[in-house]
Amino acid sequence: MYRENYINSLRLEMVEMVREYLSPAALKYGYADVALESTIKWRPLVLVVGNYSSGKSTLINEFLGADIQAVGQAPTDDSFTILTYDDEAGEADPVRTTEKRDGKFLLNDPDYPFEILKKHGHRFASHFRLKKVNSQFLRNLALIDTPGMLDSVTERDRGYDYQDVIGDMAQLADLVLVLFDPHKAGTVREAHTSLRETISARTFEDRVLFVLNRIDECASLSDLLQVYGTLCWNLSQITGRKDIPPIHLTYSSRAAGNADSFHPDTRGFLYHLQNQRKKLKEGILDAPRRRLDNLASFIETHSERLDQLLEAMVAYRTRLRDFRIKLGLIGGLLCLICGGAAVLAGISVGIFGGFTDPIAVSAGIGALLLFLFLWRVGPMGFFVRVCHNRSLKNIDRLIPLETQTRRDTWQVIRPVVLRYLEKTGGRFPLKTVKNEYNRVHRIYAEGAREVRKALNELAGIKPDQSVFDGLSSPIRDEAIPPEPETENPEAAETADCLSQKQS
């Protein structure tokens, strides 16, 4: 219980850290279309994908302990189904579906993290739904059952971009299960595209588990080994990995017990693989801990990107401010020269009586102000636009990119910086962006590191042990220093450092 409470407390604090420090800057500068915390604030997600009739729904029913999802040899369900726990259902009640919601509800309810899926349109929404189930297996996580992958299907056939939906869901998920069955140990076209391009590009390799399901349908151990070898070969070709990815071997004991073709005498090898299903189940139930690791990576990744984005904004505005100061000094000098020349010209032709004549002084001041106005609306504005366009053209020189890590991060946020500068014309307050930079930099430099410390301490906590008695929160309060009421001195120091880097 202590460990579970610690995990929940740490997860909530990490989500709050993203909401308070990262989301405001991400939304303001166009780094994200929706608040960053909207995709991570809900419970851990496990995405289940695979070829049609690979046993996705059957395996889910096995874990839930009831026939919740429809099963069959042919494709039986073309919907994306979110299976989550019903907190209001009684634990003693038989496992069943207690509530259903349609896709429009899911996509528009801020309590769920699926707002980013709105872009897939109404056809997708009609194939998206939620089921609340009173199964204890779902107490700390949610499952996403998906339509089976087919060979000859297109976006036009489905009405939405299936690969794009899978990619977005893989990005949301803390764990992705990819299922195969003995009859299709190879991969159909959609599965090949998903593994080769979509999932690999939208999530990390360690979040993907490969599962050879329905092994009870293998006639013998020799048959199973042949299927296993075929799948290993196909996966090595698709993933491009020299090593063979781990493959979990499993089947549904409930489905096998009801199958007419199940013969214990010829399936003796299944007894020795019972631990595989248990290990897979434990891996799925470990999703809450995986969520913490994924949240830590989420904070590290986005804080680093936003830190560099705001560093670029500060660098741009600092450079433009210095350039405007130089132009202002030049304009002021030219104004003095022109004003003095106007007075001298008046005296030389006898218009004014002398340098102390009020009319002469007024004429000089008027000429000075007129020239200053013309300078600002004419040459100065022109040179500022030239400086702005030159900065956009040479945007890769805006900040130092001395390491490969910074160069990789810059390639991600470069379009965001360019788009924002083009949209605003470079007109935004330097003081504001400095303060925003300091807020994000505190998370990047200190907050992310403290999160990792808390995760390391979590690894030493046993389920019946509490090691944080007396602490108000898993993440130390000093991880994120309080912001000063007045302008932070670090802002000026940060700007000076950036100016030195630019010089």
Protein backbone atom coordinates (compact mmCIF):
# COMPACT_ATOMS: atom_id res chain seq x y z
CA MET A 1 0.00 0.00 0.00
CA TYR A 2 2.83 2.40 0.85
CA ARG A 3 4.49 1.73 -2.47
CA GLU A 4 1.23 2.22 -4.36
CA ASN A 5 0.53 5.49 -2.53
CA TYR A 6 4.06 6.67 -3.23
CA ILE A 7 3.69 5.89 -6.95
CA ASN A 8 0.37 7.77 -7.12
CA SER A 9 1.75 10.75 -5.20
CA LEU A 10 4.85 10.96 -7.38
CA ARG A 11 2.79 10.67 -10.56
CA LEU A 12 0.47 13.51 -9.52
CA GLU A 13 3.39 15.76 -8.62
CA MET A 14 5.08 15.15 -11.96
CA VAL A 15 1.85 15.97 -13.81
CA GLU A 16 1.49 19.15 -11.76
CA MET A 17 5.09 20.09 -12.58
CA VAL A 18 4.31 19.82 -16.28
CA ARG A 19 1.05 21.76 -15.91
CA GLU A 20 2.57 24.66 -13.97
CA TYR A 21 5.98 25.08 -15.59
CA LEU A 22 6.03 23.54 -19.08
CA SER A 23 2.54 23.78 -20.57
CA PRO A 24 2.22 27.61 -20.47
CA ALA A 25 5.35 28.08 -22.57
CA ALA A 26 4.50 25.14 -24.85
CA LEU A 27 1.08 26.60 -25.70
CA LYS A 28 2.25 30.20 -26.01
CA TYR A 29 5.07 29.53 -28.46
CA GLY A 30 3.27 26.91 -30.55
CA TYR A 31 5.31 23.95 -29.33
CA ALA A 32 2.07 22.05 -28.55
CA ASP A 33 -1.54 22.39 -29.68
CA VAL A 34 -2.97 21.16 -26.37
CA ALA A 35 -1.69 21.36 -22.81
CA LEU A 36 1.17 18.90 -22.33
CA GLU A 37 -0.36 17.44 -19.18
CA SER A 38 -3.56 16.52 -21.03
CA THR A 39 -1.88 13.40 -22.46
CA ILE A 40 -0.32 12.20 -19.20
CA LYS A 41 -2.78 13.12 -16.46
CA TRP A 42 -4.88 9.93 -16.74
CA ARG A 43 -4.03 6.42 -15.60
CA PRO A 44 -1.34 4.25 -17.27
CA LEU A 45 -2.28 2.94 -20.72
CA VAL A 46 -1.48 -0.41 -22.36
CA LEU A 47 -2.04 -0.54 -26.12
CA VAL A 48 -2.81 -3.95 -27.65
CA VAL A 49 -2.27 -4.27 -31.43
CA GLY A 50 -1.89 -7.21 -33.79
CA ASN A 51 -3.05 -9.02 -36.90
CA TYR A 52 -6.72 -9.87 -37.16
CA SER A 53 -7.62 -13.07 -35.22
CA SER A 54 -4.32 -12.95 -33.34
CA GLY A 55 -6.28 -13.31 -30.10
CA LYS A 56 -6.15 -9.74 -28.79
CA SER A 57 -9.68 -9.72 -27.40
CA THR A 58 -9.36 -13.30 -26.17
CA LEU A 59 -6.21 -12.50 -24.22
CA ILE A 60 -7.81 -9.37 -22.79
CA ASN A 61 -10.79 -11.42 -21.65
CA GLU A 62 -8.37 -13.88 -20.04
CA PHE A 63 -6.79 -11.12 -17.96
CA LEU A 64 -10.11 -9.48 -17.09
CA GLY A 65 -11.68 -12.79 -16.09
CA ALA A 66 -14.85 -12.43 -18.19
CA ASP A 67 -16.01 -12.27 -21.81
CA ILE A 68 -15.95 -8.49 -22.17
CA GLN A 69 -14.70 -8.23 -25.76
CA ALA A 70 -16.23 -10.06 -28.71
CA VAL A 71 -14.05 -12.84 -30.14
CA GLY A 72 -13.99 -14.87 -33.33
CA GLN A 73 -11.79 -16.26 -36.10
CA ALA A 74 -12.74 -13.50 -38.54
CA PRO A 75 -12.38 -9.77 -37.76
CA THR A 76 -15.14 -9.16 -35.19
CA ASP A 77 -14.56 -5.62 -33.93
CA ASP A 78 -13.45 -2.60 -35.95
CA SER A 79 -13.40 -0.19 -32.98
CA PHE A 80 -10.73 1.20 -30.71
CA THR A 81 -11.99 0.31 -27.24
CA ILE A 82 -10.71 1.83 -24.00
CA LEU A 83 -11.18 -0.62 -21.11
CA THR A 84 -10.94 1.06 -17.73
CA TYR A 85 -11.88 0.33 -14.12
CA ASP A 86 -15.23 1.33 -12.67
CA ASP A 87 -14.44 2.80 -9.26
CA GLU A 88 -18.09 2.78 -8.24
CA ALA A 89 -18.71 -0.93 -8.84
CA GLY A 90 -18.70 -3.38 -5.96
CA GLU A 91 -15.69 -5.69 -5.72
CA ALA A 92 -17.89 -8.69 -4.94
CA ASP A 93 -19.95 -8.28 -8.12
CA PRO A 94 -19.21 -10.58 -11.06
CA VAL A 95 -16.89 -9.07 -13.67
CA ARG A 96 -18.94 -7.28 -16.30
CA THR A 97 -19.18 -4.11 -18.37
CA THR A 98 -20.82 -1.54 -16.10
CA GLU A 99 -20.88 1.47 -18.42
CA LYS A 100 -20.27 2.37 -22.07
CA ARG A 101 -19.38 5.70 -23.64
CA ASP A 102 -19.05 6.71 -27.27
CA GLY A 103 -16.15 8.38 -29.05
CA LYS A 104 -17.56 11.91 -29.01
CA PHE A 105 -17.79 11.78 -25.24
CA LEU A 106 -14.20 10.53 -24.94
CA LEU A 107 -12.75 13.11 -27.31
CA ASN A 108 -14.43 16.05 -25.59
CA ASP A 109 -14.18 15.11 -21.92
CA PRO A 110 -11.14 16.90 -20.38
CA ASP A 111 -10.78 14.14 -17.79
CA TYR A 112 -9.50 11.80 -20.50
CA PRO A 113 -6.23 12.22 -22.45
CA PHE A 114 -7.69 11.75 -25.92
CA GLU A 115 -8.20 15.32 -27.07
CA ILE A 116 -5.28 15.00 -29.50
CA LEU A 117 -7.28 12.34 -31.39
CA LYS A 118 -9.95 14.83 -32.46
CA LYS A 119 -7.99 15.57 -35.61
CA HIS A 120 -8.85 12.12 -37.01
CA GLY A 121 -12.42 13.17 -37.73
CA HIS A 122 -15.95 11.95 -37.21
CA ARG A 123 -15.41 8.58 -38.88
CA PHE A 124 -12.78 7.74 -36.31
CA ALA A 125 -14.97 9.01 -33.47
CA SER A 126 -17.67 6.55 -34.54
CA HIS A 127 -15.11 3.73 -34.16
CA PHE A 128 -13.89 4.86 -30.74
CA ARG A 129 -15.50 3.94 -27.42
CA LEU A 130 -14.98 3.30 -23.73
CA LYS A 131 -16.06 0.46 -21.48
CA LYS A 132 -15.93 0.56 -17.71
CA VAL A 133 -15.35 -2.90 -16.24
CA ASN A 134 -15.30 -3.90 -12.57
CA SER A 135 -12.24 -6.13 -12.99
CA GLN A 136 -9.45 -5.77 -10.42
CA PHE A 137 -6.96 -6.20 -13.26
CA LEU A 138 -7.85 -2.66 -14.39
CA ARG A 139 -7.60 -1.00 -10.98
CA ASN A 140 -4.33 0.81 -11.77
CA LEU A 141 -4.27 0.84 -15.57
CA ALA A 142 -6.39 0.93 -18.74
CA LEU A 143 -6.23 -1.24 -21.86
CA ILE A 144 -6.76 -0.16 -25.46
CA ASP A 145 -8.07 -2.91 -27.72
CA THR A 146 -7.62 -2.10 -31.42
CA PRO A 147 -9.06 -3.32 -34.74
CA GLY A 148 -7.10 -6.20 -36.25
CA MET A 149 -4.51 -5.31 -38.87
CA LEU A 150 -5.32 -6.44 -42.39
CA ASP A 151 -3.53 -6.92 -45.70
CA SER A 152 -5.55 -5.01 -48.28
CA VAL A 153 -7.15 -2.10 -46.49
CA THR A 154 -6.66 1.60 -47.12
CA GLU A 155 -7.54 4.86 -45.43
CA ARG A 156 -10.40 5.15 -47.85
CA ASP A 157 -11.75 1.77 -46.71
CA ARG A 158 -11.57 2.62 -43.00
CA GLY A 159 -12.51 6.28 -43.33
CA TYR A 160 -9.57 7.49 -41.25
CA ASP A 161 -5.79 7.15 -41.20
CA TYR A 162 -5.29 3.94 -39.23
CA GLN A 163 -1.52 4.30 -39.02
CA ASP A 164 -1.76 7.86 -37.71
CA VAL A 165 -4.23 6.77 -35.03
CA ILE A 166 -1.97 3.87 -33.99
CA GLY A 167 0.97 6.27 -33.85
CA ASP A 168 -0.85 8.74 -31.59
CA MET A 169 -2.02 5.95 -29.29
CA ALA A 170 1.46 4.43 -29.14
CA GLN A 171 2.73 7.83 -28.09
CA LEU A 172 0.13 7.97 -25.30
CA ALA A 173 0.73 4.39 -24.14
CA ASP A 174 3.17 3.29 -21.47
CA LEU A 175 3.33 -0.21 -22.91
CA VAL A 176 2.55 -1.59 -26.38
CA LEU A 177 1.71 -5.28 -26.87
CA VAL A 178 2.15 -6.55 -30.44
CA LEU A 179 0.36 -9.89 -30.88
CA PHE A 180 0.88 -12.61 -33.48
CA ASP A 181 -0.69 -16.04 -33.84
CA PRO A 182 0.74 -19.33 -35.20
CA HIS A 183 -1.32 -19.12 -38.39
CA LYS A 184 0.14 -15.73 -39.34
CA ALA A 185 3.63 -15.78 -37.89
CA GLY A 186 4.48 -13.56 -40.81
CA THR A 187 3.07 -10.05 -40.87
CA VAL A 188 0.27 -8.57 -42.92
CA ARG A 189 0.81 -5.26 -44.69
CA GLU A 190 -0.67 -3.02 -41.97
CA ALA A 191 1.36 -4.80 -39.28
CA HIS A 192 4.53 -4.41 -41.32
CA THR A 193 3.92 -0.67 -41.71
CA SER A 194 3.03 -0.27 -38.03
CA LEU A 195 6.19 -1.99 -36.79
CA ARG A 196 8.57 -0.65 -39.40
CA GLU A 197 7.43 2.96 -39.50
CA THR A 198 4.63 3.99 -37.14
CA ILE A 199 5.29 2.50 -33.70
CA SER A 200 9.08 2.70 -33.98
CA ALA A 201 8.83 6.42 -34.74
CA ARG A 202 6.29 7.29 -32.01
CA THR A 203 7.49 5.38 -28.96
CA PHE A 204 10.62 3.86 -27.46
CA GLU A 205 11.83 0.36 -28.12
CA ASP A 206 11.70 -0.69 -24.46
CA ARG A 207 7.95 0.03 -24.33
CA VAL A 208 7.13 -2.61 -26.97
CA LEU A 209 6.51 -6.27 -26.06
CA PHE A 210 6.11 -8.92 -28.77
CA VAL A 211 3.69 -11.75 -28.00
CA LEU A 212 3.13 -15.02 -29.84
CA ASN A 213 -0.42 -15.80 -28.79
CA ARG A 214 -2.68 -18.85 -29.24
CA ILE A 215 0.25 -21.27 -28.94
CA ASP A 216 -2.23 -23.89 -27.70
CA GLU A 217 -3.18 -24.30 -31.36
CA CYS A 218 0.28 -25.66 -32.21
CA ALA A 219 0.01 -29.43 -32.68
CA SER A 220 3.33 -30.17 -30.97
CA LEU A 221 6.46 -28.63 -29.55
CA SER A 222 8.13 -29.06 -32.93
CA ASP A 223 5.31 -27.14 -34.56
CA LEU A 224 5.68 -24.37 -32.00
CA LEU A 225 9.43 -24.13 -32.60
CA GLN A 226 8.91 -23.76 -36.34
CA VAL A 227 6.36 -20.99 -35.80
CA TYR A 228 8.65 -19.29 -33.28
CA GLY A 229 11.60 -19.40 -35.67
CA THR A 230 9.52 -17.96 -38.51
CA LEU A 231 8.33 -15.09 -36.33
CA CYS A 232 11.87 -14.35 -35.11
CA TRP A 233 13.10 -14.16 -38.70
CA ASN A 234 10.26 -11.89 -39.78
CA LEU A 235 10.71 -9.54 -36.83
CA SER A 236 14.45 -9.26 -37.40
CA GLN A 237 13.76 -8.23 -41.00
CA ILE A 238 11.05 -5.73 -40.08
CA THR A 239 12.71 -4.09 -37.09
CA GLY A 240 16.18 -4.08 -38.63
CA ARG A 241 17.64 -5.35 -35.37
CA LYS A 242 20.56 -7.78 -35.43
CA ASP A 243 19.43 -9.28 -32.15
CA ILE A 244 16.12 -11.11 -31.87
CA PRO A 245 13.63 -9.16 -29.73
CA PRO A 246 12.19 -11.08 -26.77
CA ILE A 247 8.92 -12.81 -27.62
CA HIS A 248 6.41 -13.85 -24.97
CA LEU A 249 4.63 -17.17 -25.62
CA THR A 250 1.11 -17.31 -24.28
CA TYR A 251 -2.47 -18.47 -24.76
CA SER A 252 -5.82 -18.13 -23.05
CA SER A 253 -6.48 -21.01 -20.67
CA ARG A 254 -10.19 -20.10 -20.70
CA ALA A 255 -10.37 -20.30 -24.50
CA ALA A 256 -8.24 -23.45 -24.65
CA GLY A 257 -10.43 -25.22 -22.13
CA ASN A 258 -13.48 -24.53 -24.27
CA ALA A 259 -11.88 -25.50 -27.56
CA ASP A 260 -12.85 -28.82 -29.13
CA SER A 261 -9.40 -29.21 -30.66
CA PHE A 262 -7.60 -28.98 -27.35
CA HIS A 263 -5.99 -32.33 -26.50
CA PRO A 264 -3.92 -32.36 -23.31
CA ASP A 265 -2.00 -35.43 -24.49
CA THR A 266 -0.57 -33.58 -27.49
CA ARG A 267 -0.18 -30.21 -25.73
CA GLY A 268 2.01 -31.31 -22.86
CA PHE A 269 4.51 -28.55 -23.64
CA LEU A 270 1.99 -25.91 -22.58
CA TYR A 271 2.53 -26.81 -18.93
CA HIS A 272 6.14 -25.69 -19.18
CA LEU A 273 5.12 -22.33 -20.65
CA GLN A 274 2.65 -21.30 -17.97
CA ASN A 275 5.27 -18.95 -16.53
CA GLN A 276 5.31 -17.05 -19.84
CA ARG A 277 1.69 -15.96 -19.41
CA LYS A 278 2.33 -15.10 -15.79
CA LYS A 279 5.38 -13.04 -16.75
CA LEU A 280 3.39 -11.21 -19.42
CA LYS A 281 0.62 -10.46 -16.94
CA GLU A 282 3.14 -9.14 -14.45
CA GLY A 283 4.64 -6.98 -17.18
CA ILE A 284 1.26 -5.45 -17.93
CA LEU A 285 0.47 -4.88 -14.26
CA ASP A 286 3.82 -3.10 -13.97
CA ALA A 287 2.42 -0.30 -16.17
CA PRO A 288 2.08 2.17 -13.23
CA ARG A 289 5.82 1.97 -12.56
CA ARG A 290 6.50 2.24 -16.28
CA ARG A 291 4.31 5.34 -16.29
CA LEU A 292 6.68 6.97 -13.78
CA ASP A 293 9.71 6.20 -15.94
CA ASN A 294 7.86 7.48 -18.98
CA LEU A 295 6.80 10.64 -17.14
CA ALA A 296 10.40 11.26 -16.09
CA SER A 297 11.50 10.90 -19.72
CA PHE A 298 8.58 13.12 -20.76
CA ILE A 299 9.69 15.88 -18.38
CA GLU A 300 13.34 15.56 -19.38
CA THR A 301 12.57 15.63 -23.10
CA HIS A 302 10.09 18.50 -23.13
CA SER A 303 11.92 20.62 -20.56
CA GLU A 304 15.11 20.30 -22.62
CA ARG A 305 13.31 21.27 -25.83
CA LEU A 306 11.45 24.18 -24.25
CA ASP A 307 14.62 25.31 -22.51
CA GLN A 308 16.41 25.52 -25.85
CA LEU A 309 13.40 27.12 -27.53
CA LEU A 310 13.25 29.91 -24.95
CA GLU A 311 17.03 30.27 -25.02
CA ALA A 312 16.70 30.97 -28.74
CA MET A 313 13.94 33.53 -28.08
CA VAL A 314 16.06 35.30 -25.47
CA ALA A 315 19.06 35.26 -27.80
CA TYR A 316 17.01 36.71 -30.67
CA ARG A 317 15.48 39.49 -28.58
CA THR A 318 18.83 40.32 -26.96
CA ARG A 319 20.49 40.57 -30.35
CA LEU A 320 17.64 42.70 -31.71
CA ARG A 321 17.67 44.95 -28.63
CA ASP A 322 21.40 45.56 -28.95
CA PHE A 323 20.99 46.31 -32.65
CA ARG A 324 18.16 48.78 -31.95
CA ILE A 325 20.28 50.50 -29.31
CA LYS A 326 23.07 50.94 -31.85
CA LEU A 327 20.63 52.32 -34.41
CA GLY A 328 19.17 54.64 -31.77
CA LEU A 329 22.61 56.02 -30.92
CA ILE A 330 23.41 56.52 -34.58
CA GLY A 331 20.05 58.21 -35.13
CA GLY A 332 20.52 60.43 -32.08
CA LEU A 333 23.93 61.56 -33.32
CA LEU A 334 22.56 62.29 -36.78
CA CYS A 335 19.66 64.21 -35.20
CA LEU A 336 22.06 66.41 -33.25
CA ILE A 337 24.07 67.06 -36.35
CA CYS A 338 20.97 67.94 -38.37
CA GLY A 339 19.53 70.13 -35.62
CA GLY A 340 22.80 72.02 -35.25
CA ALA A 341 23.10 72.35 -39.01
CA ALA A 342 19.60 73.85 -39.14
CA VAL A 343 20.52 76.52 -36.56
CA LEU A 344 23.81 77.33 -38.26
CA ALA A 345 22.07 77.59 -41.61
CA GLY A 346 19.55 80.03 -40.14
CA ILE A 347 22.26 82.20 -38.63
CA SER A 348 24.34 82.21 -41.78
CA VAL A 349 21.50 83.59 -43.86
CA GLY A 350 20.48 86.07 -41.21
CA ILE A 351 17.15 84.56 -40.35
CA PHE A 352 17.90 84.15 -36.63
CA GLY A 353 19.66 86.63 -34.45
CA GLY A 354 22.06 84.24 -32.68
CA PHE A 355 22.51 80.98 -30.81
CA THR A 356 20.58 82.28 -27.82
CA ASP A 357 17.62 83.41 -29.85
CA PRO A 358 14.56 81.35 -28.76
CA ILE A 359 13.44 81.02 -32.34
CA ALA A 360 16.81 79.56 -33.33
CA VAL A 361 16.74 77.10 -30.46
CA SER A 362 13.16 76.09 -31.28
CA ALA A 363 14.03 75.62 -34.92
CA GLY A 364 16.96 73.38 -33.96
CA ILE A 365 14.84 71.29 -31.63
CA GLY A 366 12.08 71.01 -34.23
CA ALA A 367 14.54 69.89 -36.89
CA LEU A 368 16.01 67.36 -34.43
CA LEU A 369 12.60 65.86 -33.58
CA LEU A 370 11.53 65.80 -37.21
CA PHE A 371 14.68 63.96 -38.21
CA LEU A 372 14.30 61.55 -35.28
CA PHE A 373 10.75 60.73 -36.37
CA LEU A 374 11.79 60.23 -39.97
CA TRP A 375 14.71 58.09 -38.83
CA ARG A 376 12.54 55.79 -36.79
CA VAL A 377 9.81 55.26 -39.41
CA GLY A 378 12.26 55.10 -42.28
CA PRO A 379 15.87 53.91 -42.11
CA MET A 380 15.68 52.47 -38.58
CA GLY A 381 12.58 50.38 -39.38
CA PHE A 382 14.22 49.22 -42.59
CA PHE A 383 17.43 48.13 -40.85
CA VAL A 384 15.45 46.36 -38.08
CA ARG A 385 13.57 44.37 -40.74
CA VAL A 386 16.87 43.54 -42.42
CA CYS A 387 18.24 42.32 -39.08
CA HIS A 388 15.07 40.25 -38.49
CA ASN A 389 15.22 38.64 -41.94
CA ARG A 390 18.92 37.94 -41.57
CA SER A 391 18.29 36.27 -38.21
CA LEU A 392 15.62 34.05 -39.79
CA LYS A 393 17.91 33.18 -42.67
CA ASN A 394 20.76 32.29 -40.30
CA ILE A 395 18.57 30.88 -37.56
CA ASP A 396 20.94 27.94 -36.97
CA ARG A 397 23.47 30.45 -35.63
CA LEU A 398 21.05 31.86 -33.10
CA ILE A 399 22.32 29.72 -30.21
CA PRO A 400 25.43 27.57 -29.68
CA LEU A 401 25.05 23.99 -30.92
CA GLU A 402 28.34 22.59 -29.74
CA THR A 403 27.13 19.07 -28.85
CA GLN A 404 25.22 16.45 -30.80
CA THR A 405 22.51 16.45 -28.14
CA ARG A 406 21.88 20.16 -28.62
CA ARG A 407 21.92 19.74 -32.39
CA ASP A 408 19.36 16.90 -32.20
CA THR A 409 17.11 18.96 -29.93
CA TRP A 410 17.45 21.98 -32.18
CA GLN A 411 16.23 20.01 -35.19
CA VAL A 412 12.99 19.37 -33.30
CA ILE A 413 12.31 22.91 -32.06
CA ARG A 414 13.85 24.82 -34.99
CA PRO A 415 10.54 24.88 -36.99
CA VAL A 416 8.72 26.08 -33.86
CA VAL A 417 11.16 28.95 -33.34
CA LEU A 418 11.05 29.92 -37.00
CA ARG A 419 7.25 29.79 -37.13
CA TYR A 420 6.85 31.95 -34.00
CA LEU A 421 9.37 34.58 -35.15
CA GLU A 422 7.68 34.79 -38.54
CA LYS A 423 4.25 35.06 -36.94
CA THR A 424 5.19 37.81 -34.46
CA GLY A 425 7.78 39.56 -36.60
CA GLY A 426 10.10 39.28 -33.60
CA ARG A 427 7.95 41.64 -31.53
CA PHE A 428 7.60 40.22 -28.02
CA PRO A 429 8.84 41.53 -24.64
CA LEU A 430 12.34 40.46 -23.67
CA LYS A 431 11.63 40.64 -19.93
CA THR A 432 8.71 38.23 -20.22
CA VAL A 433 10.59 35.65 -22.23
CA LYS A 434 13.51 35.85 -19.78
CA ASN A 435 11.19 35.03 -16.89
CA GLU A 436 9.66 32.15 -18.85
CA TYR A 437 13.13 30.87 -19.66
CA ASN A 438 14.07 30.88 -15.97
CA ARG A 439 10.94 28.93 -15.02
CA VAL A 440 11.57 26.22 -17.60
CA HIS A 441 15.31 26.14 -16.92
CA ARG A 442 14.67 25.35 -13.26
CA ILE A 443 12.76 22.24 -14.32
CA TYR A 444 15.39 21.26 -16.88
CA ALA A 445 18.34 21.78 -14.52
CA GLU A 446 16.88 20.75 -11.16
CA GLY A 447 13.36 19.33 -11.35
CA ALA A 448 14.11 16.50 -13.78
CA ARG A 449 17.13 15.45 -11.74
CA GLU A 450 15.10 15.31 -8.52
CA VAL A 451 12.46 13.21 -10.27
CA ARG A 452 15.12 10.64 -11.14
CA LYS A 453 16.31 10.63 -7.52
CA ALA A 454 12.77 9.93 -6.36
CA LEU A 455 12.49 7.06 -8.85
CA ASN A 456 15.74 5.57 -7.58
CA GLU A 457 14.38 5.70 -4.04
CA LEU A 458 11.15 4.07 -5.22
CA ALA A 459 13.15 1.07 -6.44
CA GLY A 460 14.16 0.39 -2.83
CA ILE A 461 10.65 0.52 -1.39
CA LYS A 462 8.95 -2.79 -0.77
CA PRO A 463 5.16 -3.04 -0.98
CA ASP A 464 4.88 -3.09 2.83
CA GLN A 465 7.51 -0.45 3.54
CA SER A 466 7.39 3.35 3.84
CA VAL A 467 10.67 5.22 3.75
CA PHE A 468 9.28 8.72 3.32
CA ASP A 469 7.58 9.20 6.69
CA GLY A 470 7.62 12.87 7.56
CA LEU A 471 8.17 14.06 3.99
CA SER A 472 5.47 16.15 2.40
CA SER A 473 6.11 14.80 -1.10
CA PRO A 474 8.32 12.31 -2.95
CA ILE A 475 9.94 15.11 -4.96
CA ARG A 476 11.93 17.30 -2.59
CA ASP A 477 10.65 20.82 -2.09
CA GLU A 478 14.08 22.22 -2.90
CA ALA A 479 13.99 20.57 -6.35
CA ILE A 480 12.14 23.61 -7.67
CA PRO A 481 13.13 26.79 -5.80
CA PRO A 482 10.35 29.30 -5.18
CA GLU A 483 10.12 32.11 -7.69
CA PRO A 484 10.97 35.58 -6.38
CA GLU A 485 8.25 38.21 -6.31
CA THR A 486 10.40 40.66 -8.22
CA GLU A 487 12.36 40.00 -11.38
CA ASN A 488 14.74 37.12 -10.82
CA PRO A 489 18.40 38.21 -10.85
CA GLU A 490 19.13 34.99 -12.70
CA ALA A 491 17.28 36.43 -15.67
CA ALA A 492 19.85 39.15 -16.13
CA GLU A 493 22.65 36.69 -15.50
CA THR A 494 21.15 34.29 -18.05
CA ALA A 495 20.85 37.06 -20.61
CA ASP A 496 24.48 38.07 -19.98
CA CYS A 497 25.62 34.49 -20.49
CA LEU A 498 23.65 34.27 -23.71
CA SER A 499 25.09 37.58 -24.89
CA GLN A 500 28.61 36.35 -24.15
CA LYS A 501 27.88 33.16 -26.10
CA GLN A 502 26.65 35.18 -29.06
CA SER A 503 29.66 37.49 -28.98
